[in-house]
Amino acid sequence: MAATSALDPHPPTRATAVQVFLGKGGVGKTTCAAATALALAEAGAPSLVISTDPTPSLSHIFELSGAHREREVRPALFLTELGIDDLRRMWDERFGREVYEVFSSFVDVDYASFVEFVTSVLPGLNEEFMVDYIRRLARAARYDHLIWDTAPLGQTLALLGMPTMLAEHLKLAPRIYSHLKAPGERRESLMAVIRGWQALAAECMEFLRREVRFSMVTIPEALAVQQLDGVVAELARYGLALGRLIVNNVVEDADSPFLRAKRDQQQPHIETLRRRYAALTIVEIPLFPGEVRGLERLATVGRRLIDASAGKR
């Protein structure tokens, strides 16, 4: 069974709890994901933090070098960074070669061209297998917690809506492929694969809706606050509930004219967020004098996240 911690006070109904961090680029989303994973690991819960950002910075925040795939950062804390090539490999492992064998039996095309064709006809296919990868990791129950640091917000919303979009694309597939001039057995094989894609799209969206906790990271600035309503509405459109709002870079100790002015500028935005999203758990992370990197500074952020989620303000 998964361990229960102050960061997630409700015992999970599955073996592995999954948290997703959303946010615009530069708001501290990766820092919050890393700090959360560290806090959970320090509480004794084996945790894996995963980045699917095309320009990942998890290793930078943990002060590590090189490529990483489930690398142990410290006891009970593991890190994975996945790029485009990794996602393409997942597609190959799950469906790519199988579909190609059927398709190439009646169309003379090399595998690279075939992959380019499929990923252009079915946009978002690689992202679906990222969701599927997270889902299968959760089912394997090798970790108590999976912490997913997603790509910048625009790409993330496209990813979250991708199973629905893919299902729409696949509605036309049976009509198209039923007219292929191929032997009946091969045509049926391809149709079976398409039905498999449809089933996988439905499973991925159900996983996101029922088994994933979403945290939004933002900053107390006018544009960020203005954009938040649209983002929350977009999540709701897909049936995805936001559970926590993390407000990063909040000025607490204003010991200079510059910081006092910054704090005064932030306060109306913070009050707006508190009022507008009173139903959510709201966590305020202070503006630190230096860059948040390394285990010691990440632990400070992690403690903030734990205290707030446990009801301490």
Protein backbone atom coordinates (compact mmCIF):
# COMPACT_ATOMS: atom_id res chain seq x y z
CA MET A 1 0.00 0.00 0.00
CA ALA A 2 1.14 3.54 -0.63
CA ALA A 3 2.32 5.60 2.29
CA THR A 4 0.16 8.50 3.48
CA SER A 5 1.82 11.82 4.26
CA ALA A 6 0.83 15.31 5.36
CA LEU A 7 1.25 16.41 1.76
CA ASP A 8 -1.60 14.17 0.69
CA PRO A 9 -3.77 13.66 3.79
CA HIS A 10 -6.36 11.52 2.03
CA PRO A 11 -5.22 7.88 1.72
CA PRO A 12 -5.07 6.91 -1.97
CA THR A 13 -7.45 4.25 -3.25
CA ARG A 14 -4.71 2.86 -5.49
CA ALA A 15 -1.17 1.65 -4.94
CA THR A 16 0.46 4.79 -6.35
CA ALA A 17 -0.65 8.41 -5.95
CA VAL A 18 -0.09 10.65 -8.99
CA GLN A 19 0.33 14.43 -8.87
CA VAL A 20 0.65 16.68 -11.91
CA PHE A 21 2.10 20.19 -11.77
CA LEU A 22 0.82 22.69 -14.34
CA GLY A 23 1.88 26.26 -15.06
CA LYS A 24 3.34 28.72 -17.50
CA GLY A 25 7.05 28.58 -18.19
CA GLY A 26 9.13 30.37 -15.57
CA VAL A 27 6.65 30.36 -12.66
CA GLY A 28 8.51 27.72 -10.63
CA LYS A 29 6.51 24.66 -11.61
CA THR A 30 9.55 22.39 -11.81
CA THR A 31 10.85 23.68 -8.48
CA CYS A 32 7.53 22.85 -6.79
CA ALA A 33 7.42 19.39 -8.36
CA ALA A 34 10.99 18.66 -7.26
CA ALA A 35 10.36 19.98 -3.73
CA THR A 36 7.19 17.88 -3.44
CA ALA A 37 9.00 14.70 -4.46
CA LEU A 38 11.82 15.44 -2.02
CA ALA A 39 9.39 16.08 0.84
CA LEU A 40 7.58 12.81 0.18
CA ALA A 41 10.87 10.89 -0.01
CA GLU A 42 12.07 12.45 3.26
CA ALA A 43 8.81 11.24 4.84
CA GLY A 44 9.78 7.71 3.80
CA ALA A 45 7.57 7.35 0.71
CA PRO A 46 9.45 6.13 -2.40
CA SER A 47 8.81 8.80 -5.03
CA LEU A 48 9.62 9.32 -8.70
CA VAL A 49 9.60 12.83 -10.18
CA ILE A 50 9.22 12.88 -13.97
CA SER A 51 9.81 15.73 -16.42
CA THR A 52 8.30 15.73 -19.91
CA ASP A 53 9.36 19.29 -20.70
CA PRO A 54 11.20 19.47 -24.06
CA THR A 55 13.84 21.53 -22.21
CA PRO A 56 13.88 19.74 -18.83
CA SER A 57 15.44 21.45 -15.81
CA LEU A 58 14.88 18.87 -13.08
CA SER A 59 18.48 17.72 -13.19
CA HIS A 60 19.61 21.35 -13.01
CA ILE A 61 17.48 21.95 -9.91
CA PHE A 62 18.87 18.82 -8.24
CA GLU A 63 22.37 19.83 -9.37
CA LEU A 64 22.92 16.67 -11.41
CA SER A 65 24.59 16.25 -14.78
CA GLY A 66 23.97 13.90 -17.70
CA ALA A 67 20.88 12.04 -18.87
CA HIS A 68 18.62 10.49 -16.28
CA ARG A 69 16.17 7.59 -16.31
CA GLU A 70 14.92 6.63 -12.85
CA ARG A 71 18.15 7.83 -11.28
CA GLU A 72 18.35 7.74 -7.48
CA VAL A 73 18.89 11.29 -6.21
CA ARG A 74 18.84 10.29 -2.54
CA PRO A 75 17.22 7.39 -0.64
CA ALA A 76 13.60 6.97 -1.78
CA LEU A 77 13.85 9.79 -4.35
CA PHE A 78 14.22 9.05 -8.07
CA LEU A 79 14.28 11.27 -11.16
CA THR A 80 13.41 10.70 -14.81
CA GLU A 81 13.66 13.17 -17.70
CA LEU A 82 11.94 12.14 -20.93
CA GLY A 83 12.49 13.80 -24.29
CA ILE A 84 10.96 13.47 -27.74
CA ASP A 85 13.10 10.46 -28.63
CA ASP A 86 11.89 8.66 -25.50
CA LEU A 87 8.27 9.31 -26.43
CA ARG A 88 8.86 8.05 -29.96
CA ARG A 89 10.40 4.90 -28.51
CA MET A 90 7.31 4.38 -26.34
CA TRP A 91 5.13 4.64 -29.42
CA ASP A 92 7.29 2.02 -31.11
CA GLU A 93 7.05 -0.31 -28.14
CA ARG A 94 3.28 -0.08 -27.82
CA PHE A 95 1.88 0.09 -31.37
CA GLY A 96 4.33 1.41 -33.95
CA ARG A 97 5.91 -1.77 -35.26
CA GLU A 98 2.67 -3.70 -35.07
CA VAL A 99 0.83 -1.14 -37.19
CA TYR A 100 3.73 -0.82 -39.60
CA GLU A 101 3.80 -4.57 -40.29
CA VAL A 102 0.14 -4.49 -41.29
CA PHE A 103 0.34 -1.20 -43.19
CA SER A 104 3.51 -2.06 -45.11
CA SER A 105 1.98 -5.27 -46.39
CA PHE A 106 -0.01 -3.26 -48.94
CA VAL A 107 1.91 0.08 -49.05
CA ASP A 108 5.58 0.33 -49.97
CA VAL A 109 6.89 2.74 -47.32
CA ASP A 110 9.90 2.76 -45.03
CA TYR A 111 9.35 2.89 -41.27
CA ALA A 112 10.61 6.46 -40.75
CA SER A 113 8.21 7.81 -43.40
CA PHE A 114 5.39 5.77 -41.93
CA VAL A 115 5.96 7.22 -38.43
CA GLU A 116 6.03 10.75 -39.87
CA PHE A 117 2.76 10.05 -41.70
CA VAL A 118 0.99 8.63 -38.65
CA THR A 119 2.10 11.36 -36.27
CA SER A 120 0.97 14.04 -38.71
CA VAL A 121 -2.42 12.44 -39.37
CA LEU A 122 -2.95 11.79 -35.65
CA PRO A 123 -1.49 14.79 -33.82
CA GLY A 124 -0.80 14.24 -30.15
CA LEU A 125 -0.05 10.55 -30.54
CA ASN A 126 3.34 10.80 -28.84
CA GLU A 127 1.79 12.65 -25.93
CA GLU A 128 -0.80 9.94 -25.49
CA PHE A 129 1.92 7.43 -24.86
CA MET A 130 3.40 9.74 -22.25
CA VAL A 131 0.09 9.63 -20.38
CA ASP A 132 0.02 5.87 -20.90
CA TYR A 133 3.57 5.59 -19.56
CA ILE A 134 2.59 7.43 -16.36
CA ARG A 135 -0.54 5.30 -16.06
CA ARG A 136 1.39 2.05 -16.40
CA LEU A 137 3.98 3.23 -13.88
CA ALA A 138 1.16 3.88 -11.42
CA ARG A 139 -0.28 0.41 -12.04
CA ALA A 140 3.13 -1.20 -11.49
CA ALA A 141 3.13 0.27 -7.94
CA ARG A 142 6.92 0.48 -7.74
CA TYR A 143 6.64 3.90 -6.09
CA ASP A 144 4.25 5.36 -3.55
CA HIS A 145 4.15 8.65 -5.45
CA LEU A 146 4.63 9.81 -9.03
CA ILE A 147 5.21 13.54 -9.42
CA TRP A 148 4.79 14.72 -13.02
CA ASP A 149 6.39 18.01 -14.03
CA THR A 150 4.70 18.77 -17.32
CA ALA A 151 5.67 20.97 -20.26
CA PRO A 152 4.72 24.68 -20.27
CA LEU A 153 1.01 25.25 -19.91
CA GLY A 154 -0.05 25.55 -23.56
CA GLN A 155 1.53 22.22 -24.44
CA THR A 156 0.16 20.65 -21.27
CA LEU A 157 -3.43 21.59 -22.05
CA ALA A 158 -3.03 20.16 -25.54
CA LEU A 159 -1.66 16.98 -23.97
CA LEU A 160 -4.54 16.72 -21.48
CA GLY A 161 -7.10 17.15 -24.23
CA MET A 162 -5.29 14.80 -26.56
CA PRO A 163 -7.20 11.57 -25.78
CA THR A 164 -10.49 13.27 -26.64
CA MET A 165 -8.96 14.78 -29.79
CA LEU A 166 -7.51 11.43 -30.80
CA ALA A 167 -10.85 9.72 -30.34
CA GLU A 168 -12.44 12.30 -32.66
CA HIS A 169 -9.79 11.64 -35.31
CA LEU A 170 -10.32 7.91 -35.02
CA LYS A 171 -14.07 8.15 -35.63
CA LEU A 172 -13.27 8.50 -39.33
CA ALA A 173 -10.63 5.77 -39.38
CA PRO A 174 -12.96 2.78 -39.84
CA ARG A 175 -14.58 4.40 -42.88
CA ILE A 176 -11.20 5.14 -44.45
CA TYR A 177 -9.50 1.85 -43.77
CA SER A 178 -12.55 -0.24 -44.67
CA HIS A 179 -11.98 0.83 -48.31
CA LEU A 180 -8.33 -0.21 -48.42
CA LYS A 181 -7.58 -2.66 -51.20
CA ALA A 182 -6.01 -5.25 -48.94
CA PRO A 183 -6.84 -8.85 -48.11
CA GLY A 184 -9.60 -9.14 -45.54
CA GLU A 185 -7.36 -10.60 -42.83
CA ARG A 186 -4.82 -7.76 -43.06
CA ARG A 187 -7.54 -5.13 -43.13
CA GLU A 188 -9.11 -6.61 -40.01
CA SER A 189 -5.71 -6.65 -38.29
CA LEU A 190 -5.31 -2.94 -38.89
CA MET A 191 -8.87 -2.27 -37.76
CA ALA A 192 -8.12 -4.13 -34.52
CA VAL A 193 -5.11 -1.90 -33.90
CA ILE A 194 -7.22 1.20 -34.49
CA ARG A 195 -9.78 -0.08 -32.00
CA GLY A 196 -6.89 -0.59 -29.58
CA TRP A 197 -5.90 3.05 -30.01
CA GLN A 198 -9.45 4.12 -29.29
CA ALA A 199 -9.56 2.05 -26.13
CA LEU A 200 -6.20 3.42 -25.00
CA ALA A 201 -7.38 7.02 -25.54
CA ALA A 202 -10.41 6.36 -23.34
CA GLU A 203 -8.30 4.70 -20.63
CA CYS A 204 -5.84 7.59 -20.57
CA MET A 205 -8.54 10.22 -20.14
CA GLU A 206 -10.23 8.18 -17.44
CA PHE A 207 -6.90 7.91 -15.65
CA LEU A 208 -6.39 11.70 -15.81
CA ARG A 209 -9.90 12.35 -14.53
CA ARG A 210 -10.05 9.86 -11.69
CA GLU A 211 -6.53 9.11 -10.49
CA VAL A 212 -4.51 12.30 -10.89
CA ARG A 213 -4.27 15.28 -8.56
CA PHE A 214 -3.63 18.58 -10.38
CA SER A 215 -1.71 21.50 -8.85
CA MET A 216 -1.46 24.84 -10.63
CA VAL A 217 1.61 27.00 -10.07
CA THR A 218 1.33 30.73 -10.70
CA ILE A 219 2.86 34.05 -9.62
CA PRO A 220 1.13 37.13 -8.15
CA GLU A 221 1.24 39.26 -11.27
CA ALA A 222 -1.61 40.78 -13.27
CA LEU A 223 -1.25 38.74 -16.46
CA ALA A 224 -0.86 35.43 -14.63
CA VAL A 225 -3.96 36.07 -12.51
CA GLN A 226 -5.99 37.17 -15.56
CA GLN A 227 -5.11 34.00 -17.46
CA LEU A 228 -5.90 31.64 -14.62
CA ASP A 229 -9.69 31.67 -15.05
CA GLY A 230 -9.38 30.46 -18.64
CA VAL A 231 -6.98 27.70 -17.66
CA VAL A 232 -9.21 26.43 -14.86
CA ALA A 233 -12.20 26.49 -17.22
CA GLU A 234 -10.23 24.54 -19.82
CA LEU A 235 -9.38 21.87 -17.26
CA ALA A 236 -13.03 21.66 -16.22
CA ARG A 237 -14.04 21.24 -19.87
CA TYR A 238 -12.13 17.96 -19.89
CA GLY A 239 -13.51 16.94 -16.51
CA LEU A 240 -10.19 17.56 -14.76
CA ALA A 241 -10.48 19.07 -11.29
CA LEU A 242 -7.83 21.42 -9.93
CA GLY A 243 -7.08 20.62 -6.28
CA ARG A 244 -4.37 23.08 -5.30
CA LEU A 245 -3.12 26.52 -6.29
CA ILE A 246 0.52 27.35 -5.55
CA VAL A 247 1.41 31.05 -5.60
CA ASN A 248 5.16 31.35 -6.04
CA ASN A 249 7.63 34.21 -5.44
CA VAL A 250 5.54 35.97 -2.81
CA VAL A 251 7.43 38.82 -1.09
CA GLU A 252 7.22 38.29 2.68
CA ASP A 253 10.19 40.12 4.21
CA ALA A 254 10.27 43.58 2.64
CA ASP A 255 13.47 45.08 4.01
CA SER A 256 14.17 47.51 1.17
CA PRO A 257 12.19 50.10 -0.81
CA PHE A 258 12.27 47.81 -3.85
CA LEU A 259 10.84 44.83 -1.97
CA ARG A 260 8.20 46.96 -0.23
CA ALA A 261 7.05 48.25 -3.60
CA LYS A 262 7.03 44.69 -4.97
CA ARG A 263 5.02 43.43 -2.00
CA ASP A 264 2.47 46.26 -2.37
CA GLN A 265 2.16 45.41 -6.06
CA GLN A 266 1.58 41.71 -5.31
CA GLN A 267 -0.97 42.02 -2.49
CA PRO A 268 -4.07 42.91 -4.59
CA HIS A 269 -3.36 39.93 -6.86
CA ILE A 270 -2.90 37.59 -3.91
CA GLU A 271 -6.18 38.77 -2.37
CA THR A 272 -7.93 38.20 -5.70
CA LEU A 273 -6.60 34.64 -5.85
CA ARG A 274 -7.60 33.93 -2.25
CA ARG A 275 -11.12 35.20 -2.89
CA ARG A 276 -11.64 33.67 -6.33
CA TYR A 277 -10.22 30.25 -5.49
CA ALA A 278 -11.26 29.93 -1.86
CA ALA A 279 -12.44 26.35 -2.52
CA LEU A 280 -8.88 25.26 -3.36
CA THR A 281 -5.93 24.65 -1.10
CA ILE A 282 -3.76 27.73 -1.66
CA VAL A 283 -0.05 27.54 -0.90
CA GLU A 284 2.13 30.65 -0.89
CA ILE A 285 5.84 30.13 -1.54
CA PRO A 286 8.10 33.07 -0.64
CA LEU A 287 10.51 34.84 -2.92
CA PHE A 288 13.97 33.56 -1.98
CA PRO A 289 17.10 35.71 -2.23
CA GLY A 290 18.90 33.08 -4.29
CA GLU A 291 18.06 30.46 -6.89
CA VAL A 292 16.30 27.40 -5.46
CA ARG A 293 18.68 24.59 -6.32
CA GLY A 294 20.00 21.62 -4.38
CA LEU A 295 18.44 19.44 -1.70
CA GLU A 296 18.71 21.92 1.18
CA ARG A 297 16.83 24.77 -0.51
CA LEU A 298 14.32 22.41 -2.10
CA ALA A 299 13.60 20.98 1.35
CA THR A 300 12.60 24.48 2.53
CA VAL A 301 10.02 24.75 -0.26
CA GLY A 302 8.88 21.19 0.43
CA ARG A 303 8.16 22.01 4.06
CA ARG A 304 6.00 24.94 2.95
CA LEU A 305 4.01 22.65 0.69
CA ILE A 306 3.55 20.06 3.46
CA ASP A 307 2.47 22.59 6.09
CA ALA A 308 -0.06 24.27 3.83
CA SER A 309 -1.55 21.00 2.59
CA ALA A 310 -1.86 19.82 6.22
CA GLY A 311 -3.98 22.88 6.97
CA LYS A 312 -1.29 25.09 8.55
CA ARG A 313 -1.38 28.65 7.33
